[in-house]
């Protein structure tokens, strides 16, 4: 693989990571909305939706290298099956918001020239 091809791949991955994090923010907003709407209880449909959102954040976050986000989403996924899932999920949601924001900051702090073929 040439340096130009490697640079193009890195840039493509970077753009995919950016897109994922934009989607992750939307997912977190949806989680917050469902938790606020549900009060102290939620429907099984809402619970399953939150579990799926957390599961997807966990898996995709890990694939893109956002380990803290993946770990926090895994905690949220586990919370969905707790005895008192609403309370457990509310306990995780601030950490999930922080993990997404941290990942966004990490992505913005890339070395200069990372997309140039020579890395300069």
N, C-alpha and C. Protein backbone atom coordinates (compact mmCIF):
# COMPACT_ATOMS: atom_id res chain seq x y z
N UNK A 1 0.85 -1.16 0.00
CA UNK A 1 0.00 0.00 0.00
C UNK A 1 0.91 1.24 0.00
N UNK A 2 0.58 2.17 -0.86
CA UNK A 2 1.38 3.39 -0.95
C UNK A 2 1.01 4.33 0.20
N UNK A 3 1.85 5.30 0.43
CA UNK A 3 1.58 6.30 1.47
C UNK A 3 0.29 7.06 1.16
N UNK A 4 0.04 7.34 -0.10
CA UNK A 4 -1.19 8.04 -0.49
C UNK A 4 -2.42 7.19 -0.20
N UNK A 5 -2.34 5.90 -0.50
CA UNK A 5 -3.46 5.00 -0.22
C UNK A 5 -3.69 4.88 1.29
N UNK A 6 -2.61 4.78 2.05
CA UNK A 6 -2.72 4.69 3.50
C UNK A 6 -3.37 5.96 4.06
N UNK A 7 -2.95 7.09 3.55
CA UNK A 7 -3.51 8.37 3.99
C UNK A 7 -5.00 8.45 3.67
N UNK A 8 -5.39 7.97 2.49
CA UNK A 8 -6.80 7.99 2.10
C UNK A 8 -7.61 7.07 3.01
N UNK A 9 -7.06 5.93 3.38
CA UNK A 9 -7.77 5.02 4.29
C UNK A 9 -7.95 5.64 5.68
N UNK A 10 -6.89 6.27 6.16
CA UNK A 10 -6.96 6.93 7.48
C UNK A 10 -8.04 8.01 7.46
N UNK A 11 -8.06 8.79 6.39
CA UNK A 11 -9.05 9.85 6.29
C UNK A 11 -10.47 9.27 6.24
N UNK A 12 -10.65 8.17 5.53
CA UNK A 12 -11.96 7.53 5.44
C UNK A 12 -12.41 7.04 6.81
N UNK A 13 -11.50 6.41 7.55
CA UNK A 13 -11.83 5.94 8.90
C UNK A 13 -12.18 7.11 9.80
N UNK A 14 -11.41 8.18 9.70
CA UNK A 14 -11.68 9.39 10.49
C UNK A 14 -13.09 9.91 10.21
N UNK A 15 -13.47 9.96 8.95
CA UNK A 15 -14.81 10.44 8.60
C UNK A 15 -15.90 9.49 9.12
N UNK A 16 -15.64 8.20 9.06
CA UNK A 16 -16.59 7.23 9.62
C UNK A 16 -16.72 7.40 11.13
N UNK A 17 -15.59 7.64 11.80
CA UNK A 17 -15.63 7.88 13.24
C UNK A 17 -16.45 9.13 13.56
N UNK A 18 -16.24 10.19 12.78
CA UNK A 18 -17.01 11.42 12.98
C UNK A 18 -18.51 11.15 12.82
N UNK A 19 -18.85 10.44 11.77
CA UNK A 19 -20.26 10.13 11.51
C UNK A 19 -20.85 9.29 12.65
N UNK A 20 -20.09 8.31 13.11
CA UNK A 20 -20.56 7.50 14.23
C UNK A 20 -20.82 8.37 15.46
N UNK A 21 -19.91 9.28 15.77
CA UNK A 21 -20.08 10.11 16.97
C UNK A 21 -21.27 11.05 16.84
N UNK A 22 -21.55 11.52 15.64
CA UNK A 22 -22.76 12.33 15.43
C UNK A 22 -24.00 11.48 15.71
N UNK A 23 -23.98 10.26 15.21
CA UNK A 23 -25.08 9.33 15.44
C UNK A 23 -25.18 8.97 16.92
N UNK A 24 -24.05 8.82 17.58
CA UNK A 24 -24.03 8.49 19.01
C UNK A 24 -24.69 9.59 19.82
N UNK A 25 -24.45 10.84 19.44
CA UNK A 25 -25.10 11.96 20.14
C UNK A 25 -26.61 11.87 19.99
N UNK A 26 -27.07 11.56 18.79
CA UNK A 26 -28.51 11.41 18.56
C UNK A 26 -29.06 10.25 19.39
N UNK A 27 -28.31 9.16 19.48
CA UNK A 27 -28.74 8.01 20.28
C UNK A 27 -28.85 8.38 21.76
N UNK A 28 -27.87 9.14 22.25
CA UNK A 28 -27.89 9.56 23.65
C UNK A 28 -29.09 10.48 23.91
N UNK A 29 -29.37 11.36 22.96
CA UNK A 29 -30.56 12.23 23.10
C UNK A 29 -31.83 11.38 23.17
N UNK A 30 -31.90 10.35 22.34
CA UNK A 30 -33.06 9.47 22.37
C UNK A 30 -33.17 8.74 23.71
N UNK A 31 -32.04 8.27 24.22
CA UNK A 31 -32.04 7.60 25.52
C UNK A 31 -32.56 8.55 26.60
N UNK A 32 -32.08 9.79 26.59
CA UNK A 32 -32.53 10.79 27.57
C UNK A 32 -34.03 11.04 27.45
N UNK A 33 -34.51 11.15 26.22
CA UNK A 33 -35.94 11.39 25.99
C UNK A 33 -36.78 10.25 26.52
N UNK A 34 -36.38 9.03 26.24
CA UNK A 34 -37.14 7.87 26.71
C UNK A 34 -37.13 7.80 28.24
N UNK A 35 -35.97 8.07 28.84
CA UNK A 35 -35.90 8.03 30.30
C UNK A 35 -36.75 9.12 30.94
N UNK A 36 -36.75 10.31 30.35
CA UNK A 36 -37.56 11.41 30.88
C UNK A 36 -39.05 11.11 30.72
N UNK A 37 -39.42 10.57 29.58
CA UNK A 37 -40.81 10.26 29.28
C UNK A 37 -41.34 9.14 30.17
N UNK A 38 -40.48 8.21 30.52
CA UNK A 38 -40.92 7.02 31.23
C UNK A 38 -41.21 7.20 32.71
N UNK A 39 -40.77 8.29 33.30
CA UNK A 39 -40.96 8.44 34.73
C UNK A 39 -40.20 7.37 35.49
N UNK A 40 -40.86 6.72 36.44
CA UNK A 40 -40.21 5.68 37.24
C UNK A 40 -40.36 4.29 36.64
N UNK A 41 -41.10 4.19 35.55
CA UNK A 41 -41.30 2.90 34.89
C UNK A 41 -41.27 3.14 33.39
N UNK A 42 -41.08 2.07 32.65
CA UNK A 42 -41.12 2.20 31.19
C UNK A 42 -41.69 0.94 30.59
N UNK A 43 -42.16 1.09 29.38
CA UNK A 43 -42.73 -0.06 28.68
C UNK A 43 -41.62 -1.02 28.28
N UNK A 44 -41.99 -2.25 28.02
CA UNK A 44 -40.99 -3.23 27.57
C UNK A 44 -40.44 -2.82 26.21
N UNK A 45 -41.25 -2.15 25.39
CA UNK A 45 -40.79 -1.67 24.09
C UNK A 45 -39.69 -0.62 24.27
N UNK A 46 -39.92 0.34 25.18
CA UNK A 46 -38.90 1.36 25.46
C UNK A 46 -37.64 0.72 26.04
N UNK A 47 -37.83 -0.23 26.95
CA UNK A 47 -36.68 -0.90 27.55
C UNK A 47 -35.84 -1.63 26.51
N UNK A 48 -36.50 -2.30 25.58
CA UNK A 48 -35.78 -3.01 24.52
C UNK A 48 -35.09 -2.02 23.59
N UNK A 49 -35.74 -0.90 23.30
CA UNK A 49 -35.13 0.13 22.44
C UNK A 49 -33.86 0.68 23.09
N UNK A 50 -33.92 0.96 24.39
CA UNK A 50 -32.74 1.47 25.09
C UNK A 50 -31.62 0.43 25.12
N UNK A 51 -31.99 -0.83 25.33
CA UNK A 51 -30.99 -1.89 25.33
C UNK A 51 -30.29 -1.99 23.98
N UNK A 52 -31.08 -1.89 22.91
CA UNK A 52 -30.51 -1.96 21.56
C UNK A 52 -29.61 -0.77 21.27
N UNK A 53 -30.04 0.42 21.67
CA UNK A 53 -29.20 1.61 21.47
C UNK A 53 -27.87 1.45 22.20
N UNK A 54 -27.94 1.00 23.46
CA UNK A 54 -26.72 0.81 24.25
C UNK A 54 -25.84 -0.28 23.63
N UNK A 55 -26.46 -1.35 23.18
CA UNK A 55 -25.72 -2.45 22.55
C UNK A 55 -24.99 -1.97 21.29
N UNK A 56 -25.69 -1.22 20.46
CA UNK A 56 -25.08 -0.72 19.23
C UNK A 56 -23.95 0.27 19.52
N UNK A 57 -24.15 1.13 20.51
CA UNK A 57 -23.08 2.07 20.90
C UNK A 57 -21.86 1.31 21.40
N UNK A 58 -22.12 0.26 22.16
CA UNK A 58 -21.02 -0.56 22.70
C UNK A 58 -20.22 -1.18 21.56
N UNK A 59 -20.89 -1.84 20.66
CA UNK A 59 -20.20 -2.55 19.58
C UNK A 59 -19.49 -1.63 18.61
N UNK A 60 -20.20 -0.63 18.13
CA UNK A 60 -19.60 0.27 17.14
C UNK A 60 -18.52 1.13 17.78
N UNK A 61 -18.74 1.55 19.02
CA UNK A 61 -17.71 2.32 19.73
C UNK A 61 -16.42 1.53 19.85
N UNK A 62 -16.54 0.24 20.15
CA UNK A 62 -15.35 -0.61 20.27
C UNK A 62 -14.65 -0.78 18.92
N UNK A 63 -15.43 -0.98 17.86
CA UNK A 63 -14.85 -1.15 16.52
C UNK A 63 -14.05 0.08 16.12
N UNK A 64 -14.56 1.27 16.44
CA UNK A 64 -13.87 2.51 16.06
C UNK A 64 -12.82 2.95 17.06
N UNK A 65 -12.59 2.15 18.10
CA UNK A 65 -11.50 2.45 19.02
C UNK A 65 -11.87 3.34 20.20
N UNK A 66 -13.14 3.58 20.42
CA UNK A 66 -13.58 4.40 21.55
C UNK A 66 -13.91 3.49 22.72
N UNK A 67 -12.87 3.00 23.38
CA UNK A 67 -13.04 1.97 24.40
C UNK A 67 -13.82 2.46 25.62
N UNK A 68 -13.60 3.68 26.03
CA UNK A 68 -14.34 4.21 27.18
C UNK A 68 -15.83 4.30 26.87
N UNK A 69 -16.14 4.76 25.68
CA UNK A 69 -17.54 4.84 25.25
C UNK A 69 -18.15 3.43 25.21
N UNK A 70 -17.43 2.49 24.66
CA UNK A 70 -17.92 1.10 24.57
C UNK A 70 -18.16 0.52 25.96
N UNK A 71 -17.25 0.77 26.88
CA UNK A 71 -17.39 0.26 28.25
C UNK A 71 -18.60 0.87 28.93
N UNK A 72 -18.78 2.17 28.77
CA UNK A 72 -19.92 2.85 29.39
C UNK A 72 -21.23 2.38 28.78
N UNK A 73 -21.25 2.19 27.47
CA UNK A 73 -22.46 1.69 26.81
C UNK A 73 -22.77 0.26 27.27
N UNK A 74 -21.73 -0.53 27.53
CA UNK A 74 -21.95 -1.89 28.04
C UNK A 74 -22.60 -1.83 29.42
N UNK A 75 -22.19 -0.88 30.24
CA UNK A 75 -22.82 -0.71 31.55
C UNK A 75 -24.29 -0.31 31.40
N UNK A 76 -24.56 0.55 30.42
CA UNK A 76 -25.94 0.96 30.16
C UNK A 76 -26.76 -0.25 29.68
N UNK A 77 -26.18 -1.07 28.83
CA UNK A 77 -26.88 -2.26 28.34
C UNK A 77 -27.21 -3.19 29.50
N UNK A 78 -26.26 -3.38 30.39
CA UNK A 78 -26.50 -4.22 31.56
C UNK A 78 -27.58 -3.62 32.45
N UNK A 79 -27.58 -2.31 32.59
CA UNK A 79 -28.58 -1.62 33.41
C UNK A 79 -29.99 -1.88 32.90
N UNK A 80 -30.12 -2.07 31.62
CA UNK A 80 -31.44 -2.31 31.02
C UNK A 80 -32.10 -3.58 31.54
N UNK A 81 -31.32 -4.50 32.05
CA UNK A 81 -31.87 -5.76 32.54
C UNK A 81 -31.88 -5.84 34.07
N UNK A 82 -31.58 -4.73 34.73
CA UNK A 82 -31.54 -4.70 36.20
C UNK A 82 -32.95 -4.80 36.78
N UNK A 83 -33.01 -5.04 38.07
CA UNK A 83 -34.30 -5.11 38.77
C UNK A 83 -35.05 -3.78 38.64
N UNK A 84 -34.32 -2.67 38.78
CA UNK A 84 -34.90 -1.34 38.62
C UNK A 84 -34.17 -0.65 37.46
N UNK A 85 -34.52 -1.01 36.23
CA UNK A 85 -33.74 -0.53 35.07
C UNK A 85 -33.74 0.98 34.92
N UNK A 86 -34.83 1.65 35.22
CA UNK A 86 -34.87 3.10 35.04
C UNK A 86 -33.85 3.76 35.95
N UNK A 87 -33.83 3.36 37.21
CA UNK A 87 -32.86 3.95 38.15
C UNK A 87 -31.42 3.63 37.72
N UNK A 88 -31.18 2.41 37.32
CA UNK A 88 -29.84 2.00 36.90
C UNK A 88 -29.39 2.76 35.64
N UNK A 89 -30.30 2.89 34.68
CA UNK A 89 -29.95 3.60 33.44
C UNK A 89 -29.72 5.08 33.70
N UNK A 90 -30.53 5.66 34.56
CA UNK A 90 -30.31 7.07 34.90
C UNK A 90 -28.94 7.26 35.55
N UNK A 91 -28.52 6.25 36.29
CA UNK A 91 -27.19 6.31 36.90
C UNK A 91 -26.07 6.23 35.88
N UNK A 92 -26.34 5.66 34.73
CA UNK A 92 -25.31 5.50 33.67
C UNK A 92 -25.33 6.61 32.64
N UNK A 93 -26.44 7.29 32.48
CA UNK A 93 -26.60 8.17 31.33
C UNK A 93 -25.63 9.35 31.34
N UNK A 94 -25.32 9.91 32.52
CA UNK A 94 -24.35 11.01 32.57
C UNK A 94 -22.97 10.54 32.12
N UNK A 95 -22.60 9.32 32.54
CA UNK A 95 -21.32 8.76 32.11
C UNK A 95 -21.31 8.52 30.60
N UNK A 96 -22.44 8.12 30.05
CA UNK A 96 -22.53 7.88 28.61
C UNK A 96 -22.38 9.19 27.83
N UNK A 97 -23.04 10.23 28.30
CA UNK A 97 -22.92 11.55 27.67
C UNK A 97 -21.45 12.00 27.70
N UNK A 98 -20.83 11.85 28.87
CA UNK A 98 -19.43 12.25 29.02
C UNK A 98 -18.52 11.43 28.11
N UNK A 99 -18.79 10.14 27.98
CA UNK A 99 -17.95 9.27 27.13
C UNK A 99 -18.05 9.68 25.66
N UNK A 100 -19.25 10.04 25.19
CA UNK A 100 -19.41 10.50 23.81
C UNK A 100 -18.67 11.82 23.61
N UNK A 101 -18.83 12.73 24.55
CA UNK A 101 -18.15 14.03 24.43
C UNK A 101 -16.63 13.85 24.48
N UNK A 102 -16.13 12.97 25.33
CA UNK A 102 -14.69 12.71 25.39
C UNK A 102 -14.19 12.14 24.07
N UNK A 103 -14.95 11.22 23.49
CA UNK A 103 -14.55 10.63 22.20
C UNK A 103 -14.51 11.70 21.12
N UNK A 104 -15.48 12.61 21.14
CA UNK A 104 -15.48 13.70 20.15
C UNK A 104 -14.24 14.59 20.32
N UNK A 105 -13.87 14.87 21.56
CA UNK A 105 -12.67 15.68 21.81
C UNK A 105 -11.42 14.94 21.35
N UNK A 106 -11.35 13.64 21.65
CA UNK A 106 -10.19 12.84 21.24
C UNK A 106 -10.01 12.87 19.73
N UNK A 107 -11.11 12.81 19.01
CA UNK A 107 -11.05 12.78 17.55
C UNK A 107 -10.57 14.11 16.99
N UNK A 108 -10.86 15.19 17.69
CA UNK A 108 -10.44 16.52 17.23
C UNK A 108 -8.96 16.76 17.45
N UNK A 109 -8.32 15.99 18.32
CA UNK A 109 -6.92 16.19 18.66
C UNK A 109 -6.07 15.16 17.93
N UNK A 110 -5.99 15.32 16.63
CA UNK A 110 -5.17 14.41 15.81
C UNK A 110 -3.87 15.11 15.45
N UNK A 111 -2.82 14.35 15.27
CA UNK A 111 -1.54 14.95 14.90
C UNK A 111 -1.63 15.70 13.57
N UNK A 112 -0.93 16.81 13.48
CA UNK A 112 -0.89 17.59 12.24
C UNK A 112 -0.37 16.71 11.11
N UNK A 113 -0.96 16.85 9.94
CA UNK A 113 -0.49 16.14 8.76
C UNK A 113 -0.88 14.68 8.70
N UNK A 114 -1.79 14.25 9.53
CA UNK A 114 -2.12 12.82 9.56
C UNK A 114 -2.68 12.33 8.24
N UNK A 115 -3.29 13.22 7.47
CA UNK A 115 -3.89 12.79 6.20
C UNK A 115 -2.95 13.01 5.01
N UNK A 116 -1.81 13.61 5.23
CA UNK A 116 -0.90 13.79 4.09
C UNK A 116 -0.12 12.50 3.89
N UNK A 117 0.22 12.20 2.65
CA UNK A 117 0.92 10.93 2.36
C UNK A 117 2.24 10.78 3.12
N UNK A 118 2.89 11.87 3.42
CA UNK A 118 4.17 11.79 4.11
C UNK A 118 4.04 12.03 5.60
N UNK A 119 2.82 12.31 6.08
CA UNK A 119 2.61 12.52 7.51
C UNK A 119 3.15 13.85 8.00
N UNK A 120 3.32 14.81 7.09
CA UNK A 120 3.84 16.12 7.50
C UNK A 120 2.83 17.21 7.30
